[in-house]
Amino acid sequence: IMGGGDMIRSVSRYSCTWNDLPWKFEAGTSNI
């Protein structure tokens, strides 16, 4: 449900694909 940063594998103008698990659900910079 959250998009951007680490959860993305690829982004084009009108589509995107998700990263592998578990990063698919970890958008943005993590609490490192």
All heavy atoms as atom14 arrays in JSON, in Angstrom:
{
  "sequence": "IMGGGDMIRSVSRYSCTWNDLPWKFEAGTSNI",
  "atom14_mask": [
    [1, 1, 1, 1, 1, 1, 1, 1, 0, 0, 0, 0, 0, 0],
    [1, 1, 1, 1, 1, 1, 1, 1, 0, 0, 0, 0, 0, 0],
    [1, 1, 1, 1, 0, 0, 0, 0, 0, 0, 0, 0, 0, 0],
    [1, 1, 1, 1, 0, 0, 0, 0, 0, 0, 0, 0, 0, 0],
    [1, 1, 1, 1, 0, 0, 0, 0, 0, 0, 0, 0, 0, 0],
    [1, 1, 1, 1, 1, 1, 1, 1, 0, 0, 0, 0, 0, 0],
    [1, 1, 1, 1, 1, 1, 1, 1, 0, 0, 0, 0, 0, 0],
    [1, 1, 1, 1, 1, 1, 1, 1, 0, 0, 0, 0, 0, 0],
    [1, 1, 1, 1, 1, 1, 1, 1, 1, 1, 1, 0, 0, 0],
    [1, 1, 1, 1, 1, 1, 0, 0, 0, 0, 0, 0, 0, 0],
    [1, 1, 1, 1, 1, 1, 1, 0, 0, 0, 0, 0, 0, 0],
    [1, 1, 1, 1, 1, 1, 0, 0, 0, 0, 0, 0, 0, 0],
    [1, 1, 1, 1, 1, 1, 1, 1, 1, 1, 1, 0, 0, 0],
    [1, 1, 1, 1, 1, 1, 1, 1, 1, 1, 1, 1, 0, 0],
    [1, 1, 1, 1, 1, 1, 0, 0, 0, 0, 0, 0, 0, 0],
    [1, 1, 1, 1, 1, 1, 0, 0, 0, 0, 0, 0, 0, 0],
    [1, 1, 1, 1, 1, 1, 1, 0, 0, 0, 0, 0, 0, 0],
    [1, 1, 1, 1, 1, 1, 1, 1, 1, 1, 1, 1, 1, 1],
    [1, 1, 1, 1, 1, 1, 1, 1, 0, 0, 0, 0, 0, 0],
    [1, 1, 1, 1, 1, 1, 1, 1, 0, 0, 0, 0, 0, 0],
    [1, 1, 1, 1, 1, 1, 1, 1, 0, 0, 0, 0, 0, 0],
    [1, 1, 1, 1, 1, 1, 1, 0, 0, 0, 0, 0, 0, 0],
    [1, 1, 1, 1, 1, 1, 1, 1, 1, 1, 1, 1, 1, 1],
    [1, 1, 1, 1, 1, 1, 1, 1, 1, 0, 0, 0, 0, 0],
    [1, 1, 1, 1, 1, 1, 1, 1, 1, 1, 1, 0, 0, 0],
    [1, 1, 1, 1, 1, 1, 1, 1, 1, 0, 0, 0, 0, 0],
    [1, 1, 1, 1, 1, 0, 0, 0, 0, 0, 0, 0, 0, 0],
    [1, 1, 1, 1, 0, 0, 0, 0, 0, 0, 0, 0, 0, 0],
    [1, 1, 1, 1, 1, 1, 1, 0, 0, 0, 0, 0, 0, 0],
    [1, 1, 1, 1, 1, 1, 0, 0, 0, 0, 0, 0, 0, 0],
    [1, 1, 1, 1, 1, 1, 1, 1, 0, 0, 0, 0, 0, 0],
    [1, 1, 1, 1, 1, 1, 1, 1, 0, 0, 0, 0, 0, 0]
  ],
  "atom14_positions": [
    [[0.81, -1.22, 0.0], [0.0, 0.0, 0.0], [0.85, 1.27, 0.0], [0.34, 2.35, -0.26], [-0.96, 0.05, 1.21], [-0.18, -0.07, 2.53], [-2.05, -0.96, 1.09], [-0.98, 0.31, 3.74], [0.0, 0.0, 0.0], [0.0, 0.0, 0.0], [0.0, 0.0, 0.0], [0.0, 0.0, 0.0], [0.0, 0.0, 0.0], [0.0, 0.0, 0.0]],
    [[2.13, 1.14, 0.31], [3.02, 2.31, 0.3], [4.04, 2.16, -0.82], [4.61, 1.08, -1.01], [3.73, 2.46, 1.65], [2.78, 2.75, 2.79], [3.66, 3.01, 4.35], [4.51, 4.54, 3.99], [0.0, 0.0, 0.0], [0.0, 0.0, 0.0], [0.0, 0.0, 0.0], [0.0, 0.0, 0.0], [0.0, 0.0, 0.0], [0.0, 0.0, 0.0]],
    [[4.25, 3.24, -1.55], [5.14, 3.17, -2.7], [6.31, 4.12, -2.6], [6.21, 5.19, -2.0], [0.0, 0.0, 0.0], [0.0, 0.0, 0.0], [0.0, 0.0, 0.0], [0.0, 0.0, 0.0], [0.0, 0.0, 0.0], [0.0, 0.0, 0.0], [0.0, 0.0, 0.0], [0.0, 0.0, 0.0], [0.0, 0.0, 0.0], [0.0, 0.0, 0.0]],
    [[7.43, 3.71, -3.2], [8.61, 4.56, -3.25], [9.8, 3.93, -2.57], [9.67, 3.07, -1.71], [0.0, 0.0, 0.0], [0.0, 0.0, 0.0], [0.0, 0.0, 0.0], [0.0, 0.0, 0.0], [0.0, 0.0, 0.0], [0.0, 0.0, 0.0], [0.0, 0.0, 0.0], [0.0, 0.0, 0.0], [0.0, 0.0, 0.0], [0.0, 0.0, 0.0]],
    [[10.99, 4.35, -2.97], [12.21, 3.88, -2.32], [12.45, 2.4, -2.52], [12.3, 1.86, -3.61], [0.0, 0.0, 0.0], [0.0, 0.0, 0.0], [0.0, 0.0, 0.0], [0.0, 0.0, 0.0], [0.0, 0.0, 0.0], [0.0, 0.0, 0.0], [0.0, 0.0, 0.0], [0.0, 0.0, 0.0], [0.0, 0.0, 0.0], [0.0, 0.0, 0.0]],
    [[12.79, 1.72, -1.43], [13.25, 0.34, -1.5], [12.23, -0.66, -2.03], [12.6, -1.76, -2.42], [13.69, -0.12, -0.1], [15.19, -0.03, 0.07], [15.87, 0.4, -0.88], [15.69, -0.39, 1.16], [0.0, 0.0, 0.0], [0.0, 0.0, 0.0], [0.0, 0.0, 0.0], [0.0, 0.0, 0.0], [0.0, 0.0, 0.0], [0.0, 0.0, 0.0]],
    [[10.95, -0.31, -2.03], [9.95, -1.32, -2.42], [9.81, -1.43, -3.95], [9.05, -2.25, -4.44], [8.61, -1.03, -1.77], [8.0, 0.33, -2.08], [7.09, 0.41, -3.64], [5.79, -0.74, -3.34], [0.0, 0.0, 0.0], [0.0, 0.0, 0.0], [0.0, 0.0, 0.0], [0.0, 0.0, 0.0], [0.0, 0.0, 0.0], [0.0, 0.0, 0.0]],
    [[10.56, -0.62, -4.69], [10.44, -0.59, -6.15], [11.57, -1.37, -6.83], [12.73, -1.27, -6.45], [10.48, 0.88, -6.65], [9.22, 1.62, -6.2], [10.65, 0.95, -8.15], [7.95, 1.09, -6.81], [0.0, 0.0, 0.0], [0.0, 0.0, 0.0], [0.0, 0.0, 0.0], [0.0, 0.0, 0.0], [0.0, 0.0, 0.0], [0.0, 0.0, 0.0]],
    [[11.2, -2.15, -7.86], [12.21, -2.77, -8.72], [12.44, -1.91, -9.96], [13.57, -1.63, -10.34], [11.77, -4.18, -9.14], [12.77, -4.86, -10.08], [12.36, -6.28, -10.43], [12.36, -7.13, -9.25], [13.45, -7.65, -8.69], [14.64, -7.38, -9.19], [13.36, -8.43, -7.64], [0.0, 0.0, 0.0], [0.0, 0.0, 0.0], [0.0, 0.0, 0.0]],
    [[11.34, -1.49, -10.58], [11.47, -0.62, -11.75], [10.27, 0.3, -11.86], [9.17, -0.05, -11.42], [11.59, -1.46, -13.03], [10.39, -2.17, -13.27], [0.0, 0.0, 0.0], [0.0, 0.0, 0.0], [0.0, 0.0, 0.0], [0.0, 0.0, 0.0], [0.0, 0.0, 0.0], [0.0, 0.0, 0.0], [0.0, 0.0, 0.0], [0.0, 0.0, 0.0]],
    [[10.5, 1.48, -12.44], [9.44, 2.46, -12.62], [9.56, 3.08, -14.0], [10.65, 3.53, -14.4], [9.5, 3.58, -11.56], [8.36, 4.59, -11.78], [9.42, 3.01, -10.16], [0.0, 0.0, 0.0], [0.0, 0.0, 0.0], [0.0, 0.0, 0.0], [0.0, 0.0, 0.0], [0.0, 0.0, 0.0], [0.0, 0.0, 0.0], [0.0, 0.0, 0.0]],
    [[8.47, 3.08, -14.73], [8.39, 3.82, -15.99], [7.34, 4.92, -15.81], [6.82, 5.1, -14.7], [8.02, 2.89, -17.15], [6.72, 2.37, -16.96], [0.0, 0.0, 0.0], [0.0, 0.0, 0.0], [0.0, 0.0, 0.0], [0.0, 0.0, 0.0], [0.0, 0.0, 0.0], [0.0, 0.0, 0.0], [0.0, 0.0, 0.0], [0.0, 0.0, 0.0]],
    [[7.04, 5.63, -16.84], [6.09, 6.73, -16.7], [4.73, 6.26, -16.19], [4.08, 6.95, -15.4], [5.9, 7.44, -18.05], [7.08, 8.3, -18.47], [6.83, 8.87, -19.85], [7.99, 9.64, -20.31], [8.1, 10.96, -20.18], [7.14, 11.65, -19.6], [9.17, 11.57, -20.64], [0.0, 0.0, 0.0], [0.0, 0.0, 0.0], [0.0, 0.0, 0.0]],
    [[4.28, 5.1, -16.63], [2.92, 4.68, -16.3], [2.82, 3.28, -15.68], [1.74, 2.71, -15.61], [2.05, 4.75, -17.57], [2.03, 6.13, -18.18], [2.67, 6.38, -19.39], [1.39, 7.18, -17.52], [2.69, 7.66, -19.94], [1.39, 8.46, -18.07], [2.03, 8.7, -19.27], [2.04, 9.97, -19.8], [0.0, 0.0, 0.0], [0.0, 0.0, 0.0]],
    [[3.93, 2.76, -15.23], [3.87, 1.44, -14.58], [5.08, 1.25, -13.67], [6.07, 1.97, -13.78], [3.83, 0.31, -15.63], [5.05, 0.26, -16.35], [0.0, 0.0, 0.0], [0.0, 0.0, 0.0], [0.0, 0.0, 0.0], [0.0, 0.0, 0.0], [0.0, 0.0, 0.0], [0.0, 0.0, 0.0], [0.0, 0.0, 0.0], [0.0, 0.0, 0.0]],
    [[4.96, 0.28, -12.78], [6.09, -0.05, -11.9], [5.97, -1.5, -11.46], [4.9, -2.1, -11.53], [6.13, 0.87, -10.69], [4.63, 0.88, -9.69], [0.0, 0.0, 0.0], [0.0, 0.0, 0.0], [0.0, 0.0, 0.0], [0.0, 0.0, 0.0], [0.0, 0.0, 0.0], [0.0, 0.0, 0.0], [0.0, 0.0, 0.0], [0.0, 0.0, 0.0]],
    [[7.08, -2.06, -11.05], [7.1, -3.43, -10.51], [7.72, -3.4, -9.12], [8.52, -2.53, -8.8], [7.9, -4.38, -11.42], [9.24, -3.89, -11.54], [7.26, -4.49, -12.78], [0.0, 0.0, 0.0], [0.0, 0.0, 0.0], [0.0, 0.0, 0.0], [0.0, 0.0, 0.0], [0.0, 0.0, 0.0], [0.0, 0.0, 0.0], [0.0, 0.0, 0.0]],
    [[7.33, -4.38, -8.31], [7.75, -4.4, -6.92], [9.07, -5.14, -6.73], [9.41, -6.05, -7.48], [6.69, -5.05, -6.03], [5.29, -4.6, -6.25], [4.16, -5.39, -6.26], [4.82, -3.26, -6.44], [3.05, -4.63, -6.47], [3.41, -3.32, -6.57], [5.44, -2.01, -6.52], [2.62, -2.18, -6.78], [4.67, -0.87, -6.73], [3.29, -0.96, -6.85]],
    [[9.75, -4.76, -5.66], [10.98, -5.41, -5.26], [10.67, -6.78, -4.67], [9.5, -7.13, -4.43], [11.72, -4.54, -4.24], [13.21, -4.85, -4.14], [13.68, -5.87, -4.64], [13.94, -3.96, -3.5], [0.0, 0.0, 0.0], [0.0, 0.0, 0.0], [0.0, 0.0, 0.0], [0.0, 0.0, 0.0], [0.0, 0.0, 0.0], [0.0, 0.0, 0.0]],
    [[11.7, -7.57, -4.39], [11.52, -8.87, -3.74], [11.08, -8.68, -2.3], [11.19, -7.58, -1.72], [12.85, -9.64, -3.76], [13.32, -9.96, -5.18], [12.46, -10.1, -6.07], [14.55, -10.06, -5.38], [0.0, 0.0, 0.0], [0.0, 0.0, 0.0], [0.0, 0.0, 0.0], [0.0, 0.0, 0.0], [0.0, 0.0, 0.0], [0.0, 0.0, 0.0]],
    [[10.63, -9.77, -1.7], [10.35, -9.78, -0.26], [11.66, -9.73, 0.51], [12.65, -10.31, 0.07], [9.58, -11.04, 0.13], [8.16, -11.16, -0.4], [7.61, -12.55, -0.07], [7.25, -10.09, 0.18], [0.0, 0.0, 0.0], [0.0, 0.0, 0.0], [0.0, 0.0, 0.0], [0.0, 0.0, 0.0], [0.0, 0.0, 0.0], [0.0, 0.0, 0.0]],
    [[11.68, -9.06, 1.65], [10.58, -8.34, 2.32], [10.49, -6.88, 1.93], [9.61, -6.16, 2.4], [10.98, -8.47, 3.78], [12.48, -8.39, 3.76], [12.9, -9.1, 2.5], [0.0, 0.0, 0.0], [0.0, 0.0, 0.0], [0.0, 0.0, 0.0], [0.0, 0.0, 0.0], [0.0, 0.0, 0.0], [0.0, 0.0, 0.0], [0.0, 0.0, 0.0]],
    [[11.42, -6.42, 1.04], [11.53, -4.99, 0.76], [10.29, -4.44, 0.06], [10.04, -3.24, 0.08], [12.79, -4.72, -0.07], [14.0, -5.32, 0.59], [14.52, -5.0, 1.81], [14.81, -6.38, 0.08], [15.61, -5.79, 2.09], [15.82, -6.65, 1.05], [14.8, -7.12, -1.09], [16.78, -7.62, 0.87], [15.76, -8.11, -1.27], [16.75, -8.34, -0.3]],
    [[9.53, -5.33, -0.54], [8.28, -4.94, -1.19], [7.35, -4.14, -0.26], [6.58, -3.3, -0.71], [7.58, -6.23, -1.67], [6.17, -6.09, -2.17], [5.66, -7.49, -2.51], [4.19, -7.51, -2.85], [3.69, -8.87, -3.14], [0.0, 0.0, 0.0], [0.0, 0.0, 0.0], [0.0, 0.0, 0.0], [0.0, 0.0, 0.0], [0.0, 0.0, 0.0]],
    [[7.45, -4.42, 1.04], [6.59, -3.75, 2.02], [7.33, -2.71, 2.86], [6.8, -2.24, 3.86], [5.94, -4.79, 2.94], [4.97, -5.7, 2.23], [5.36, -6.95, 1.8], [3.67, -5.28, 1.99], [4.46, -7.79, 1.14], [2.77, -6.1, 1.33], [3.16, -7.36, 0.9], [0.0, 0.0, 0.0], [0.0, 0.0, 0.0], [0.0, 0.0, 0.0]],
    [[8.56, -2.37, 2.47], [9.36, -1.42, 3.25], [9.72, -0.22, 2.39], [10.85, -0.06, 1.94], [10.62, -2.1, 3.81], [10.3, -3.2, 4.8], [11.55, -3.82, 5.41], [12.66, -3.32, 5.15], [11.42, -4.82, 6.13], [0.0, 0.0, 0.0], [0.0, 0.0, 0.0], [0.0, 0.0, 0.0], [0.0, 0.0, 0.0], [0.0, 0.0, 0.0]],
    [[8.75, 0.66, 2.19], [8.94, 1.83, 1.34], [9.79, 2.89, 2.05], [9.64, 3.11, 3.25], [7.6, 2.43, 0.96], [0.0, 0.0, 0.0], [0.0, 0.0, 0.0], [0.0, 0.0, 0.0], [0.0, 0.0, 0.0], [0.0, 0.0, 0.0], [0.0, 0.0, 0.0], [0.0, 0.0, 0.0], [0.0, 0.0, 0.0], [0.0, 0.0, 0.0]],
    [[10.68, 3.53, 1.3], [11.47, 4.63, 1.85], [12.62, 4.17, 2.71], [12.89, 2.97, 2.87], [0.0, 0.0, 0.0], [0.0, 0.0, 0.0], [0.0, 0.0, 0.0], [0.0, 0.0, 0.0], [0.0, 0.0, 0.0], [0.0, 0.0, 0.0], [0.0, 0.0, 0.0], [0.0, 0.0, 0.0], [0.0, 0.0, 0.0], [0.0, 0.0, 0.0]],
    [[13.32, 5.15, 3.28], [14.46, 4.83, 4.15], [13.98, 4.18, 5.44], [13.06, 4.67, 6.1], [15.26, 6.1, 4.48], [15.83, 6.61, 3.27], [16.37, 5.82, 5.48], [0.0, 0.0, 0.0], [0.0, 0.0, 0.0], [0.0, 0.0, 0.0], [0.0, 0.0, 0.0], [0.0, 0.0, 0.0], [0.0, 0.0, 0.0], [0.0, 0.0, 0.0]],
    [[14.6, 3.09, 5.78], [14.19, 2.3, 6.96], [14.7, 2.93, 8.25], [15.55, 3.83, 8.24], [14.74, 0.88, 6.84], [14.29, 0.26, 5.66], [0.0, 0.0, 0.0], [0.0, 0.0, 0.0], [0.0, 0.0, 0.0], [0.0, 0.0, 0.0], [0.0, 0.0, 0.0], [0.0, 0.0, 0.0], [0.0, 0.0, 0.0], [0.0, 0.0, 0.0]],
    [[14.19, 2.43, 9.37], [14.73, 2.76, 10.69], [15.99, 1.9, 10.85], [15.96, 0.86, 11.49], [13.7, 2.46, 11.77], [14.2, 2.78, 13.17], [15.34, 3.2, 13.36], [13.35, 2.58, 14.16], [0.0, 0.0, 0.0], [0.0, 0.0, 0.0], [0.0, 0.0, 0.0], [0.0, 0.0, 0.0], [0.0, 0.0, 0.0], [0.0, 0.0, 0.0]],
    [[17.07, 2.37, 10.25], [18.28, 1.55, 10.14], [18.87, 1.25, 11.51], [19.13, 0.09, 11.85], [19.32, 2.26, 9.26], [18.73, 2.55, 7.88], [20.58, 1.4, 9.13], [19.56, 3.49, 7.03], [0.0, 0.0, 0.0], [0.0, 0.0, 0.0], [0.0, 0.0, 0.0], [0.0, 0.0, 0.0], [0.0, 0.0, 0.0], [0.0, 0.0, 0.0]]
  ]
}
